[in-house]
Amino acid sequence: MKNHLSRRKFLQLSSIAALGAVSPNTNVWGMPAYIKNLGKPNSVFNGVQIGVITYSFRHLTNDAEQLLKYCLECGISGVELMGDPAEAFVGAPKAPSAPKWGKGADVEAWKAYAKALAPWRAQVDIKRFEQLRRIYNKAGVNIYAYKPSALGINNTDAEIHYACRAARALGANQVNVEYPDNLAHTQRLSSIASKYKIAVGYHGHLQQTFDMWDAAVAQSKYNAINFDMGHYVAAGFDPKAFVHAKHKHMVSMHVKDRKNKQHGGANLPWGEGDTPIVEVLQQMARSHYKFPATIELEYKIPDGSDEVKEIAKCVEFARKALDA
């Protein structure tokens, strides 16, 4: 699954493998709207963009073109692209061979690598990101979000500028980062992001509450919410009420199915947990919310399956939920 394809051969294969299509239009955040077209993937159902964060394929590959191939196999037409594969494509210093997450991860090696990236990011040719965008767009996949490891408290201003410039080159309308719980830093991020008209989507885990983002959002219209409805349920809350109240400040939403806090919070295949995925997706369609719903695969892969098959199941689950 880790075989590398030449760009020419890859694009030939992707043009055959894709299933529906995209034609971008925009709203206030530059959110894409889509129309069907034979020959390319289409995971927009009843007006709701179903996408995937490429972190979901983390055990398979870190290669940007191979990730695109997986998206095509799943019928996905929109992605939140992690920084590592994009930067590797563009020519970043060689990353550690040890995994970044999970079993066998080498945290110290990746910390050292992060320091080495800073000067590279400050001078990287952004046109290489435009090239990656063209490859994805030609295959029918829109990059709506970019999540590099360049937006933390310890990153330089130059790295934050880089993240916003790269996101624009990729065609994204948002850069996403873990919520820092530091208003000085959210002010810093939004001040830089405003220069590029890029939203900063703050992602939450079990620390999510109804009002967690309020102070950051009040600082700037460029501070926004990258909501995780599965984690929100596991923390003991109702995502339907949150989405209804906060949708104007949401630029994307991660979708996973977790048991609620009372039931232990387990991460399960879609339809087996307590997360009201169907209801929230239908709420998005009914209310014409424009932010994408991003599949984040974190549950244990069943025997005989793999990440690509499971994400395809999630896409089909969403299609049925949205009656498309």
C-alpha atoms as a PDB file:
ATOM      1  CA  MET A   1       0.000   0.000   0.000  1.00  0.00           C
ATOM      2  CA  LYS A   2       3.020   2.230   0.226  1.00  0.00           C
ATOM      3  CA  ASN A   3       4.079   1.969  -3.410  1.00  0.00           C
ATOM      4  CA  HIS A   4       4.877   5.340  -4.914  1.00  0.00           C
ATOM      5  CA  LEU A   5       3.401   6.196  -8.315  1.00  0.00           C
ATOM      6  CA  SER A   6       4.887   8.594 -10.816  1.00  0.00           C
ATOM      7  CA  ARG A   7       2.857  11.791 -11.149  1.00  0.00           C
ATOM      8  CA  ARG A   8       1.977  11.071 -14.773  1.00  0.00           C
ATOM      9  CA  LYS A   9       0.874   7.488 -14.107  1.00  0.00           C
ATOM     10  CA  PHE A  10      -0.884   8.533 -10.915  1.00  0.00           C
ATOM     11  CA  LEU A  11      -2.951  11.180 -12.667  1.00  0.00           C
ATOM     12  CA  GLN A  12      -3.855   8.716 -15.415  1.00  0.00           C
ATOM     13  CA  LEU A  13      -5.077   6.239 -12.820  1.00  0.00           C
ATOM     14  CA  SER A  14      -6.903   8.862 -10.768  1.00  0.00           C
ATOM     15  CA  SER A  15      -8.798  10.163 -13.778  1.00  0.00           C
ATOM     16  CA  ILE A  16     -10.123   6.642 -14.346  1.00  0.00           C
ATOM     17  CA  ALA A  17     -10.742   5.765 -10.718  1.00  0.00           C
ATOM     18  CA  ALA A  18     -12.748   8.832  -9.688  1.00  0.00           C
ATOM     19  CA  LEU A  19     -16.549   8.772  -9.506  1.00  0.00           C
ATOM     20  CA  GLY A  20     -18.327  12.213  -9.342  1.00  0.00           C
ATOM     21  CA  ALA A  21     -17.095  15.934  -9.430  1.00  0.00           C
ATOM     22  CA  VAL A  22     -16.520  19.308  -8.053  1.00  0.00           C
ATOM     23  CA  SER A  23     -17.009  22.779  -9.409  1.00  0.00           C
ATOM     24  CA  PRO A  24     -16.133  25.404  -6.850  1.00  0.00           C
ATOM     25  CA  ASN A  25     -18.195  28.383  -5.866  1.00  0.00           C
ATOM     26  CA  THR A  26     -17.696  30.252  -2.631  1.00  0.00           C
ATOM     27  CA  ASN A  27     -19.367  31.771   0.394  1.00  0.00           C
ATOM     28  CA  VAL A  28     -17.963  34.207   2.958  1.00  0.00           C
ATOM     29  CA  TRP A  29     -15.157  31.818   3.958  1.00  0.00           C
ATOM     30  CA  GLY A  30     -14.503  30.616   0.402  1.00  0.00           C
ATOM     31  CA  MET A  31     -16.363  27.364   1.169  1.00  0.00           C
ATOM     32  CA  PRO A  32     -16.750  25.230  -1.953  1.00  0.00           C
ATOM     33  CA  ALA A  33     -20.121  24.381  -3.442  1.00  0.00           C
ATOM     34  CA  TYR A  34     -20.318  21.373  -5.744  1.00  0.00           C
ATOM     35  CA  ILE A  35     -22.125  19.968  -8.757  1.00  0.00           C
ATOM     36  CA  LYS A  36     -22.121  16.384  -9.967  1.00  0.00           C
ATOM     37  CA  ASN A  37     -20.073  15.485 -13.006  1.00  0.00           C
ATOM     38  CA  LEU A  38     -19.158  12.054 -14.289  1.00  0.00           C
ATOM     39  CA  GLY A  39     -15.546  10.974 -13.953  1.00  0.00           C
ATOM     40  CA  LYS A  40     -14.584  12.455 -10.578  1.00  0.00           C
ATOM     41  CA  PRO A  41     -15.477  11.760  -6.939  1.00  0.00           C
ATOM     42  CA  ASN A  42     -18.403  13.516  -5.324  1.00  0.00           C
ATOM     43  CA  SER A  43     -18.953  13.259  -1.580  1.00  0.00           C
ATOM     44  CA  VAL A  44     -21.325  16.204  -1.334  1.00  0.00           C
ATOM     45  CA  PHE A  45     -24.684  14.801  -0.273  1.00  0.00           C
ATOM     46  CA  ASN A  46     -27.772  16.985  -0.097  1.00  0.00           C
ATOM     47  CA  GLY A  47     -25.505  20.036   0.064  1.00  0.00           C
ATOM     48  CA  VAL A  48     -23.232  18.698   2.824  1.00  0.00           C
ATOM     49  CA  GLN A  49     -19.547  18.200   2.029  1.00  0.00           C
ATOM     50  CA  ILE A  50     -18.333  14.937   3.547  1.00  0.00           C
ATOM     51  CA  GLY A  51     -14.556  15.032   3.712  1.00  0.00           C
ATOM     52  CA  VAL A  52     -11.745  13.250   5.497  1.00  0.00           C
ATOM     53  CA  ILE A  53      -8.717  14.356   7.477  1.00  0.00           C
ATOM     54  CA  THR A  54      -5.686  12.597   6.035  1.00  0.00           C
ATOM     55  CA  TYR A  55      -4.644  11.699   9.593  1.00  0.00           C
ATOM     56  CA  SER A  56      -7.196   8.895   9.137  1.00  0.00           C
ATOM     57  CA  PHE A  57      -4.715   7.115   6.819  1.00  0.00           C
ATOM     58  CA  ARG A  58      -1.767   7.589   9.214  1.00  0.00           C
ATOM     59  CA  HIS A  59      -0.933   3.871   9.455  1.00  0.00           C
ATOM     60  CA  LEU A  60      -0.829   3.428   5.674  1.00  0.00           C
ATOM     61  CA  THR A  61       1.251   6.223   4.180  1.00  0.00           C
ATOM     62  CA  ASN A  62       2.627   9.722   4.557  1.00  0.00           C
ATOM     63  CA  ASP A  63       2.775  10.263   0.791  1.00  0.00           C
ATOM     64  CA  ALA A  64       0.486  13.030  -0.524  1.00  0.00           C
ATOM     65  CA  GLU A  65      -0.183  11.350  -3.854  1.00  0.00           C
ATOM     66  CA  GLN A  66      -0.914   7.963  -2.290  1.00  0.00           C
ATOM     67  CA  LEU A  67      -3.299   9.733   0.106  1.00  0.00           C
ATOM     68  CA  LEU A  68      -5.104  11.143  -2.912  1.00  0.00           C
ATOM     69  CA  LYS A  69      -5.414   7.663  -4.357  1.00  0.00           C
ATOM     70  CA  TYR A  70      -7.030   6.466  -1.126  1.00  0.00           C
ATOM     71  CA  CYS A  71      -9.474   9.381  -1.235  1.00  0.00           C
ATOM     72  CA  LEU A  72     -10.474   8.425  -4.753  1.00  0.00           C
ATOM     73  CA  GLU A  73     -10.993   4.822  -3.695  1.00  0.00           C
ATOM     74  CA  CYS A  74     -13.309   6.069  -0.926  1.00  0.00           C
ATOM     75  CA  GLY A  75     -15.185   8.463  -3.214  1.00  0.00           C
ATOM     76  CA  ILE A  76     -14.012  11.491  -1.228  1.00  0.00           C
ATOM     77  CA  SER A  77     -14.020  14.920  -2.907  1.00  0.00           C
ATOM     78  CA  GLY A  78     -12.735  17.085  -0.039  1.00  0.00           C
ATOM     79  CA  VAL A  79      -9.924  16.784   2.500  1.00  0.00           C
ATOM     80  CA  GLU A  80      -8.296  18.337   5.526  1.00  0.00           C
ATOM     81  CA  LEU A  81      -4.647  17.809   4.626  1.00  0.00           C
ATOM     82  CA  MET A  82      -2.129  17.202   7.386  1.00  0.00           C
ATOM     83  CA  GLY A  83       1.139  19.095   7.181  1.00  0.00           C
ATOM     84  CA  ASP A  84       3.579  16.173   7.068  1.00  0.00           C
ATOM     85  CA  PRO A  85       2.604  14.726   3.653  1.00  0.00           C
ATOM     86  CA  ALA A  86       2.252  18.174   2.086  1.00  0.00           C
ATOM     87  CA  GLU A  87       5.654  19.276   3.342  1.00  0.00           C
ATOM     88  CA  ALA A  88       7.272  16.014   2.235  1.00  0.00           C
ATOM     89  CA  PHE A  89       5.853  16.560  -1.272  1.00  0.00           C
ATOM     90  CA  VAL A  90       7.208  20.109  -1.344  1.00  0.00           C
ATOM     91  CA  GLY A  91      10.702  18.992  -0.325  1.00  0.00           C
ATOM     92  CA  ALA A  92      10.984  19.396   3.446  1.00  0.00           C
ATOM     93  CA  PRO A  93      13.943  17.909   5.318  1.00  0.00           C
ATOM     94  CA  LYS A  94      13.608  14.154   5.666  1.00  0.00           C
ATOM     95  CA  ALA A  95      11.249  13.202   8.485  1.00  0.00           C
ATOM     96  CA  PRO A  96      12.087  10.596  11.164  1.00  0.00           C
ATOM     97  CA  SER A  97      11.440   7.000  10.152  1.00  0.00           C
ATOM     98  CA  ALA A  98       9.757   6.244  13.481  1.00  0.00           C
ATOM     99  CA  PRO A  99       5.975   6.750  13.646  1.00  0.00           C
ATOM    100  CA  LYS A 100       4.679  10.101  14.827  1.00  0.00           C
ATOM    101  CA  TRP A 101       1.694   8.575  16.631  1.00  0.00           C
ATOM    102  CA  GLY A 102       0.802   5.327  18.341  1.00  0.00           C
ATOM    103  CA  LYS A 103       2.945   2.248  18.819  1.00  0.00           C
ATOM    104  CA  GLY A 104       6.657   2.807  18.226  1.00  0.00           C
ATOM    105  CA  ALA A 105       6.340   6.600  18.115  1.00  0.00           C
ATOM    106  CA  ASP A 106       9.564   8.568  18.735  1.00  0.00           C
ATOM    107  CA  VAL A 107       8.426  11.825  20.331  1.00  0.00           C
ATOM    108  CA  GLU A 108      11.927  13.252  20.784  1.00  0.00           C
ATOM    109  CA  ALA A 109      12.904  12.623  17.168  1.00  0.00           C
ATOM    110  CA  TRP A 110       9.807  14.429  15.977  1.00  0.00           C
ATOM    111  CA  LYS A 111      10.482  17.358  18.328  1.00  0.00           C
ATOM    112  CA  ALA A 112      13.974  17.709  16.872  1.00  0.00           C
ATOM    113  CA  TYR A 113      12.515  17.517  13.380  1.00  0.00           C
ATOM    114  CA  ALA A 114      10.076  20.330  14.216  1.00  0.00           C
ATOM    115  CA  LYS A 115      13.013  22.593  15.075  1.00  0.00           C
ATOM    116  CA  ALA A 116      14.712  21.745  11.792  1.00  0.00           C
ATOM    117  CA  LEU A 117      11.564  22.636   9.871  1.00  0.00           C
ATOM    118  CA  ALA A 118      11.406  26.241  11.084  1.00  0.00           C
ATOM    119  CA  PRO A 119      14.150  27.705   8.828  1.00  0.00           C
ATOM    120  CA  TRP A 120      12.961  25.600   5.896  1.00  0.00           C
ATOM    121  CA  ARG A 121       9.409  26.894   6.262  1.00  0.00           C
ATOM    122  CA  ALA A 122      10.645  30.473   6.336  1.00  0.00           C
ATOM    123  CA  GLN A 123      12.082  30.213   2.819  1.00  0.00           C
ATOM    124  CA  VAL A 124      10.065  27.449   1.095  1.00  0.00           C
ATOM    125  CA  ASP A 125       8.810  28.043  -2.438  1.00  0.00           C
ATOM    126  CA  ILE A 126       5.012  28.294  -2.034  1.00  0.00           C
ATOM    127  CA  LYS A 127       4.522  27.486  -5.725  1.00  0.00           C
ATOM    128  CA  ARG A 128       5.199  23.840  -4.882  1.00  0.00           C
ATOM    129  CA  PHE A 129       2.029  23.856  -2.780  1.00  0.00           C
ATOM    130  CA  GLU A 130       0.162  25.231  -5.779  1.00  0.00           C
ATOM    131  CA  GLN A 131       1.433  22.245  -7.756  1.00  0.00           C
ATOM    132  CA  LEU A 132       0.026  19.868  -5.122  1.00  0.00           C
ATOM    133  CA  ARG A 133      -3.283  21.702  -5.259  1.00  0.00           C
ATOM    134  CA  ARG A 134      -3.454  21.225  -9.033  1.00  0.00           C
ATOM    135  CA  ILE A 135      -2.820  17.490  -8.690  1.00  0.00           C
ATOM    136  CA  TYR A 136      -5.653  17.124  -6.172  1.00  0.00           C
ATOM    137  CA  ASN A 137      -8.033  19.407  -8.051  1.00  0.00           C
ATOM    138  CA  LYS A 138      -7.418  17.683 -11.365  1.00  0.00           C
ATOM    139  CA  ALA A 139      -8.393  14.388  -9.729  1.00  0.00           C
ATOM    140  CA  GLY A 140     -11.564  16.024  -8.352  1.00  0.00           C
ATOM    141  CA  VAL A 141     -10.515  16.555  -4.729  1.00  0.00           C
ATOM    142  CA  ASN A 142     -10.643  19.922  -2.976  1.00  0.00           C
ATOM    143  CA  ILE A 143      -8.252  20.723  -0.109  1.00  0.00           C
ATOM    144  CA  TYR A 144     -10.466  22.776   2.200  1.00  0.00           C
ATOM    145  CA  ALA A 145      -8.238  22.744   5.301  1.00  0.00           C
ATOM    146  CA  TYR A 146      -4.541  22.538   6.079  1.00  0.00           C
ATOM    147  CA  LYS A 147      -3.179  21.337   9.439  1.00  0.00           C
ATOM    148  CA  PRO A 148       0.597  21.714   9.708  1.00  0.00           C
ATOM    149  CA  SER A 149       2.597  21.612  12.943  1.00  0.00           C
ATOM    150  CA  ALA A 150       3.419  25.298  12.464  1.00  0.00           C
ATOM    151  CA  LEU A 151       0.776  27.031  14.566  1.00  0.00           C
ATOM    152  CA  GLY A 152       1.753  26.221  18.139  1.00  0.00           C
ATOM    153  CA  ILE A 153       2.851  28.560  20.891  1.00  0.00           C
ATOM    154  CA  ASN A 154       6.509  27.630  20.305  1.00  0.00           C
ATOM    155  CA  ASN A 155       6.384  28.181  16.547  1.00  0.00           C
ATOM    156  CA  THR A 156       7.857  31.367  15.101  1.00  0.00           C
ATOM    157  CA  ASP A 157       5.841  34.123  13.450  1.00  0.00           C
ATOM    158  CA  ALA A 158       7.541  33.143  10.188  1.00  0.00           C
ATOM    159  CA  GLU A 159       6.117  29.636  10.525  1.00  0.00           C
ATOM    160  CA  ILE A 160       2.616  30.971  11.102  1.00  0.00           C
ATOM    161  CA  HIS A 161       2.932  33.182   8.026  1.00  0.00           C
ATOM    162  CA  TYR A 162       4.138  30.111   6.133  1.00  0.00           C
ATOM    163  CA  ALA A 163       1.101  28.055   7.258  1.00  0.00           C
ATOM    164  CA  CYS A 164      -1.329  30.698   6.014  1.00  0.00           C
ATOM    165  CA  ARG A 165       0.493  31.183   2.704  1.00  0.00           C
ATOM    166  CA  ALA A 166       0.660  27.431   2.131  1.00  0.00           C
ATOM    167  CA  ALA A 167      -3.040  27.054   2.931  1.00  0.00           C
ATOM    168  CA  ARG A 168      -3.948  29.676   0.357  1.00  0.00           C
ATOM    169  CA  ALA A 169      -1.718  27.989  -2.216  1.00  0.00           C
ATOM    170  CA  LEU A 170      -3.435  24.656  -1.515  1.00  0.00           C
ATOM    171  CA  GLY A 171      -6.855  26.256  -1.994  1.00  0.00           C
ATOM    172  CA  ALA A 172      -7.810  25.909   1.682  1.00  0.00           C
ATOM    173  CA  ASN A 173      -9.874  28.506   3.523  1.00  0.00           C
ATOM    174  CA  GLN A 174      -8.655  27.439   6.980  1.00  0.00           C
ATOM    175  CA  VAL A 175      -5.610  26.333   8.924  1.00  0.00           C
ATOM    176  CA  ASN A 176      -6.442  24.057  11.848  1.00  0.00           C
ATOM    177  CA  VAL A 177      -4.652  23.627  15.152  1.00  0.00           C
ATOM    178  CA  GLU A 178      -5.319  22.099  18.554  1.00  0.00           C
ATOM    179  CA  TYR A 179      -7.058  24.595  20.845  1.00  0.00           C
ATOM    180  CA  PRO A 180      -4.256  26.258  22.881  1.00  0.00           C
ATOM    181  CA  ASP A 181      -6.314  27.689  25.783  1.00  0.00           C
ATOM    182  CA  ASN A 182      -4.126  30.772  25.549  1.00  0.00           C
ATOM    183  CA  LEU A 183      -5.787  34.007  24.455  1.00  0.00           C
ATOM    184  CA  ALA A 184      -2.494  35.751  23.774  1.00  0.00           C
ATOM    185  CA  HIS A 185      -1.688  33.024  21.262  1.00  0.00           C
ATOM    186  CA  THR A 186      -5.135  32.994  19.630  1.00  0.00           C
ATOM    187  CA  GLN A 187      -4.790  36.764  19.214  1.00  0.00           C
ATOM    188  CA  ARG A 188      -1.361  36.253  17.639  1.00  0.00           C
ATOM    189  CA  LEU A 189      -2.660  33.607  15.243  1.00  0.00           C
ATOM    190  CA  SER A 190      -5.704  35.598  14.176  1.00  0.00           C
ATOM    191  CA  SER A 191      -3.638  38.753  13.631  1.00  0.00           C
ATOM    192  CA  ILE A 192      -1.372  36.941  11.186  1.00  0.00           C
ATOM    193  CA  ALA A 193      -4.197  34.927   9.582  1.00  0.00           C
ATOM    194  CA  SER A 194      -6.164  38.116   8.919  1.00  0.00           C
ATOM    195  CA  LYS A 195      -3.431  39.270   6.544  1.00  0.00           C
ATOM    196  CA  TYR A 196      -4.217  36.266   4.339  1.00  0.00           C
ATOM    197  CA  LYS A 197      -7.985  36.125   4.984  1.00  0.00           C
ATOM    198  CA  ILE A 198      -7.557  32.589   6.329  1.00  0.00           C
ATOM    199  CA  ALA A 199      -9.598  31.256   9.243  1.00  0.00           C
ATOM    200  CA  VAL A 200      -7.851  29.566  12.167  1.00  0.00           C
ATOM    201  CA  GLY A 201      -9.987  26.576  13.191  1.00  0.00           C
ATOM    202  CA  TYR A 202      -9.323  25.503  16.781  1.00  0.00           C
ATOM    203  CA  HIS A 203      -9.817  21.782  17.349  1.00  0.00           C
ATOM    204  CA  GLY A 204     -10.997  20.344  20.638  1.00  0.00           C
ATOM    205  CA  HIS A 205     -10.953  16.992  22.392  1.00  0.00           C
ATOM    206  CA  LEU A 206     -12.509  16.039  25.707  1.00  0.00           C
ATOM    207  CA  GLN A 207     -11.894  19.546  27.054  1.00  0.00           C
ATOM    208  CA  GLN A 208     -14.618  20.869  24.729  1.00  0.00           C
ATOM    209  CA  THR A 209     -17.483  22.735  26.395  1.00  0.00           C
ATOM    210  CA  PHE A 210     -20.303  24.839  25.014  1.00  0.00           C
ATOM    211  CA  ASP A 211     -18.428  28.094  25.605  1.00  0.00           C
ATOM    212  CA  MET A 212     -14.795  26.954  25.189  1.00  0.00           C
ATOM    213  CA  TRP A 213     -14.246  28.946  21.974  1.00  0.00           C
ATOM    214  CA  ASP A 214     -16.220  32.060  22.898  1.00  0.00           C
ATOM    215  CA  ALA A 215     -13.322  34.258  24.036  1.00  0.00           C
ATOM    216  CA  ALA A 216     -11.136  33.398  21.039  1.00  0.00           C
ATOM    217  CA  VAL A 217     -13.992  33.937  18.587  1.00  0.00           C
ATOM    218  CA  ALA A 218     -14.715  37.308  20.195  1.00  0.00           C
ATOM    219  CA  GLN A 219     -11.138  38.426  19.484  1.00  0.00           C
ATOM    220  CA  SER A 220     -11.385  38.185  15.709  1.00  0.00           C
ATOM    221  CA  LYS A 221     -13.590  36.923  12.914  1.00  0.00           C
ATOM    222  CA  TYR A 222     -10.556  34.917  11.787  1.00  0.00           C
ATOM    223  CA  ASN A 223     -10.679  32.795  14.940  1.00  0.00           C
ATOM    224  CA  ALA A 224     -13.088  29.946  14.338  1.00  0.00           C
ATOM    225  CA  ILE A 225     -14.225  26.512  15.481  1.00  0.00           C
ATOM    226  CA  ASN A 226     -13.020  23.133  14.220  1.00  0.00           C
ATOM    227  CA  PHE A 227     -15.588  21.191  16.251  1.00  0.00           C
ATOM    228  CA  ASP A 228     -15.308  17.470  17.090  1.00  0.00           C
ATOM    229  CA  MET A 229     -18.775  16.093  17.698  1.00  0.00           C
ATOM    230  CA  GLY A 230     -17.577  12.654  18.834  1.00  0.00           C
ATOM    231  CA  HIS A 231     -15.289  14.022  21.517  1.00  0.00           C
ATOM    232  CA  TYR A 232     -18.044  16.439  22.560  1.00  0.00           C
ATOM    233  CA  VAL A 233     -20.408  13.514  23.165  1.00  0.00           C
ATOM    234  CA  ALA A 234     -17.732  11.619  25.113  1.00  0.00           C
ATOM    235  CA  ALA A 235     -17.294  14.736  27.265  1.00  0.00           C
ATOM    236  CA  GLY A 236     -20.985  14.535  28.163  1.00  0.00           C
ATOM    237  CA  PHE A 237     -22.650  17.111  25.895  1.00  0.00           C
ATOM    238  CA  ASP A 238     -25.182  17.333  23.054  1.00  0.00           C
ATOM    239  CA  PRO A 239     -23.633  18.303  19.695  1.00  0.00           C
ATOM    240  CA  LYS A 240     -27.009  19.143  18.132  1.00  0.00           C
ATOM    241  CA  ALA A 241     -27.435  22.108  20.478  1.00  0.00           C
ATOM    242  CA  PHE A 242     -23.834  23.207  19.932  1.00  0.00           C
ATOM    243  CA  VAL A 243     -24.035  23.138  16.142  1.00  0.00           C
ATOM    244  CA  HIS A 244     -27.330  25.018  16.177  1.00  0.00           C
ATOM    245  CA  ALA A 245     -25.906  27.760  18.392  1.00  0.00           C
ATOM    246  CA  LYS A 246     -22.350  28.030  17.039  1.00  0.00           C
ATOM    247  CA  HIS A 247     -22.615  27.185  13.333  1.00  0.00           C
ATOM    248  CA  LYS A 248     -21.790  30.742  12.226  1.00  0.00           C
ATOM    249  CA  HIS A 249     -18.352  30.385  13.816  1.00  0.00           C
ATOM    250  CA  MET A 250     -17.654  26.832  12.603  1.00  0.00           C
ATOM    251  CA  VAL A 251     -15.356  26.295   9.634  1.00  0.00           C
ATOM    252  CA  SER A 252     -15.327  22.493   9.844  1.00  0.00           C
ATOM    253  CA  MET A 253     -16.489  19.622  12.027  1.00  0.00           C
ATOM    254  CA  HIS A 254     -14.805  16.304  12.752  1.00  0.00           C
ATOM    255  CA  VAL A 255     -17.128  13.322  12.755  1.00  0.00           C
ATOM    256  CA  LYS A 256     -16.608  10.143  14.744  1.00  0.00           C
ATOM    257  CA  ASP A 257     -18.964   7.936  16.757  1.00  0.00           C
ATOM    258  CA  ARG A 258     -18.209   7.727  20.467  1.00  0.00           C
ATOM    259  CA  LYS A 259     -20.185   6.485  23.431  1.00  0.00           C
ATOM    260  CA  ASN A 260     -21.229   9.240  25.780  1.00  0.00           C
ATOM    261  CA  LYS A 261     -19.511   9.935  29.081  1.00  0.00           C
ATOM    262  CA  GLN A 262     -22.012   7.825  31.038  1.00  0.00           C
ATOM    263  CA  HIS A 263     -21.369   4.837  28.759  1.00  0.00           C
ATOM    264  CA  GLY A 264     -17.569   5.080  28.891  1.00  0.00           C
ATOM    265  CA  GLY A 265     -16.738   7.179  25.816  1.00  0.00           C
ATOM    266  CA  ALA A 266     -15.518   4.319  23.576  1.00  0.00           C
ATOM    267  CA  ASN A 267     -14.699   5.145  19.939  1.00  0.00           C
ATOM    268  CA  LEU A 268     -16.759   2.827  17.708  1.00  0.00           C
ATOM    269  CA  PRO A 269     -17.709   2.252  14.063  1.00  0.00           C
ATOM    270  CA  TRP A 270     -20.360   4.677  12.879  1.00  0.00           C
ATOM    271  CA  GLY A 271     -23.828   3.731  14.059  1.00  0.00           C
ATOM    272  CA  GLU A 272     -22.630   1.844  17.155  1.00  0.00           C
ATOM    273  CA  GLY A 273     -21.937   4.773  19.509  1.00  0.00           C
ATOM    274  CA  ASP A 274     -24.065   7.494  21.083  1.00  0.00           C
ATOM    275  CA  THR A 275     -23.058  10.331  18.748  1.00  0.00           C
ATOM    276  CA  PRO A 276     -26.111  11.607  16.782  1.00  0.00           C
ATOM    277  CA  ILE A 277     -24.314  11.608  13.436  1.00  0.00           C
ATOM    278  CA  VAL A 278     -27.454  11.184  11.361  1.00  0.00           C
ATOM    279  CA  GLU A 279     -29.321  13.951  13.166  1.00  0.00           C
ATOM    280  CA  VAL A 280     -26.448  16.445  12.928  1.00  0.00           C
ATOM    281  CA  LEU A 281     -25.799  15.763   9.239  1.00  0.00           C
ATOM    282  CA  GLN A 282     -29.497  16.182   8.516  1.00  0.00           C
ATOM    283  CA  GLN A 283     -29.472  19.370  10.594  1.00  0.00           C
ATOM    284  CA  MET A 284     -26.620  20.669   8.415  1.00  0.00           C
ATOM    285  CA  ALA A 285     -28.510  19.880   5.222  1.00  0.00           C
ATOM    286  CA  ARG A 286     -31.821  21.273   6.448  1.00  0.00           C
ATOM    287  CA  SER A 287     -30.235  24.530   7.640  1.00  0.00           C
ATOM    288  CA  HIS A 288     -27.851  24.841   4.660  1.00  0.00           C
ATOM    289  CA  TYR A 289     -24.720  25.040   6.808  1.00  0.00           C
ATOM    290  CA  LYS A 290     -21.696  25.358   4.557  1.00  0.00           C
ATOM    291  CA  PHE A 291     -18.874  23.968   6.701  1.00  0.00           C
ATOM    292  CA  PRO A 292     -17.639  20.450   5.810  1.00  0.00           C
ATOM    293  CA  ALA A 293     -18.147  17.341   7.935  1.00  0.00           C
ATOM    294  CA  THR A 294     -14.742  15.678   8.174  1.00  0.00           C
ATOM    295  CA  ILE A 295     -14.375  11.947   8.793  1.00  0.00           C
ATOM    296  CA  GLU A 296     -11.704  11.253  11.409  1.00  0.00           C
ATOM    297  CA  LEU A 297     -11.099   7.528  11.682  1.00  0.00           C
ATOM    298  CA  GLU A 298      -9.971   6.580  15.188  1.00  0.00           C
ATOM    299  CA  TYR A 299     -11.855   3.404  16.063  1.00  0.00           C
ATOM    300  CA  LYS A 300     -10.199  -0.015  15.964  1.00  0.00           C
ATOM    301  CA  ILE A 301     -10.156  -1.471  12.456  1.00  0.00           C
ATOM    302  CA  PRO A 302     -12.148  -4.745  12.348  1.00  0.00           C
ATOM    303  CA  ASP A 303     -10.334  -7.920  11.322  1.00  0.00           C
ATOM    304  CA  GLY A 304     -10.281  -8.332   7.558  1.00  0.00           C
ATOM    305  CA  SER A 305     -10.731  -4.637   6.876  1.00  0.00           C
ATOM    306  CA  ASP A 306      -8.472  -1.583   6.554  1.00  0.00           C
ATOM    307  CA  GLU A 307      -8.666   2.199   6.814  1.00  0.00           C
ATOM    308  CA  VAL A 308      -9.705   2.693   3.186  1.00  0.00           C
ATOM    309  CA  LYS A 309     -12.606   0.252   3.494  1.00  0.00           C
ATOM    310  CA  GLU A 310     -13.732   1.740   6.794  1.00  0.00           C
ATOM    311  CA  ILE A 311     -13.676   5.312   5.502  1.00  0.00           C
ATOM    312  CA  ALA A 312     -15.663   4.194   2.466  1.00  0.00           C
ATOM    313  CA  LYS A 313     -18.223   2.766   4.922  1.00  0.00           C
ATOM    314  CA  CYS A 314     -18.380   6.126   6.686  1.00  0.00           C
ATOM    315  CA  VAL A 315     -18.972   7.883   3.359  1.00  0.00           C
ATOM    316  CA  GLU A 316     -21.807   5.482   2.580  1.00  0.00           C
ATOM    317  CA  PHE A 317     -23.250   5.961   6.072  1.00  0.00           C
ATOM    318  CA  ALA A 318     -23.298   9.732   5.473  1.00  0.00           C
ATOM    319  CA  ARG A 319     -24.835   9.325   2.012  1.00  0.00           C
ATOM    320  CA  LYS A 320     -27.701   7.269   3.407  1.00  0.00           C
ATOM    321  CA  ALA A 321     -28.155   9.655   6.338  1.00  0.00           C
ATOM    322  CA  LEU A 322     -28.514  12.532   3.908  1.00  0.00           C
ATOM    323  CA  ASP A 323     -30.798  10.563   1.588  1.00  0.00           C
ATOM    324  CA  ALA A 324     -28.531  11.112  -1.403  1.00  0.00           C
END
